[in-house]
Amino acid sequence: MSVYTQLTQGQRYQVEALYKTGHNQTMIANILTVHKSPISRELRSNRGLRGYRPKQAHEKAMQRQHEKLKIHIPLTT
């Protein structure tokens, strides 16, 4: 069973640079030593009119992580 980890901010900038230079998703995944599915999701969900936006992608990820921590419901009733 594998453990899910999000891409780091540095990895997001690497994804942008590699994608702009013509690398495909599988090649990017191999270079970053991650599975190709997070690269695919990252490019699909964080693409704007001007292409992939790593800064916005990281901000959205941090916001989702912060909101997830706020929603935690205590186990006591």
Protein backbone atom coordinates (compact mmCIF):
# COMPACT_ATOMS: atom_id res chain seq x y z
CA MET A 1 0.00 0.00 0.00
CA SER A 2 1.46 3.35 -1.00
CA VAL A 3 1.23 6.56 0.98
CA TYR A 4 -0.20 9.67 -0.68
CA THR A 5 2.00 12.74 -0.57
CA GLN A 6 1.34 16.06 -2.26
CA LEU A 7 3.82 17.64 -4.59
CA THR A 8 6.08 20.22 -2.97
CA GLN A 9 6.27 23.79 -4.20
CA GLY A 10 9.65 23.06 -5.78
CA GLN A 11 8.25 20.04 -7.59
CA ARG A 12 5.41 22.16 -8.97
CA TYR A 13 7.91 24.61 -10.46
CA GLN A 14 9.86 21.67 -11.91
CA VAL A 15 6.65 20.34 -13.46
CA GLU A 16 6.07 23.72 -15.08
CA ALA A 17 9.61 23.97 -16.46
CA LEU A 18 9.67 20.40 -17.77
CA TYR A 19 6.21 20.68 -19.30
CA LYS A 20 7.13 23.94 -21.06
CA THR A 21 10.23 22.29 -22.54
CA GLY A 22 8.15 19.56 -24.10
CA HIS A 23 8.43 16.69 -21.63
CA ASN A 24 5.34 14.49 -21.40
CA GLN A 25 3.68 13.50 -18.12
CA THR A 26 5.43 10.13 -17.90
CA MET A 27 8.85 11.71 -18.41
CA ILE A 28 8.12 14.37 -15.77
CA ALA A 29 7.00 11.69 -13.31
CA ASN A 30 10.18 9.69 -13.90
CA ILE A 31 12.38 12.76 -13.37
CA LEU A 32 10.58 13.70 -10.14
CA THR A 33 10.39 10.03 -9.05
CA VAL A 34 6.64 10.13 -8.49
CA HIS A 35 3.82 8.19 -10.12
CA LYS A 36 2.44 9.69 -13.31
CA SER A 37 -1.11 10.07 -11.93
CA PRO A 38 -0.30 13.01 -9.58
CA ILE A 39 1.39 14.78 -12.49
CA SER A 40 -1.69 14.23 -14.63
CA ARG A 41 -4.02 15.51 -11.89
CA GLU A 42 -1.75 18.46 -11.19
CA LEU A 43 -1.67 19.60 -14.81
CA ARG A 44 -5.39 19.03 -15.33
CA SER A 45 -6.65 20.75 -12.20
CA ASN A 46 -4.30 23.74 -12.17
CA ARG A 47 -4.37 24.89 -15.76
CA GLY A 48 -5.53 28.39 -16.53
CA LEU A 49 -5.77 30.46 -19.67
CA ARG A 50 -2.00 30.97 -19.58
CA GLY A 51 -1.15 27.31 -18.94
CA TYR A 52 -0.05 25.55 -15.77
CA ARG A 53 0.32 27.93 -12.82
CA PRO A 54 2.59 26.43 -10.09
CA LYS A 55 2.26 29.33 -7.63
CA GLN A 56 -1.54 29.24 -7.76
CA ALA A 57 -1.49 25.44 -7.59
CA HIS A 58 0.57 25.51 -4.41
CA GLU A 59 -1.60 28.21 -2.82
CA LYS A 60 -4.76 26.21 -3.57
CA ALA A 61 -3.19 23.05 -2.12
CA MET A 62 -2.18 24.83 1.08
CA GLN A 63 -5.65 26.35 1.39
CA ARG A 64 -7.29 22.92 1.01
CA GLN A 65 -4.93 21.47 3.61
CA HIS A 66 -5.71 24.30 6.05
CA GLU A 67 -9.47 23.89 5.54
CA LYS A 68 -9.17 20.15 6.08
CA LEU A 69 -7.57 20.76 9.48
CA LYS A 70 -10.32 23.21 10.49
CA ILE A 71 -13.11 20.75 9.67
CA HIS A 72 -11.80 18.05 12.04
CA ILE A 73 -14.68 16.85 14.22
CA PRO A 74 -13.80 15.66 17.75
CA LEU A 75 -14.62 12.03 18.51
CA THR A 76 -16.31 12.79 21.85
CA THR A 77 -20.04 13.44 21.85
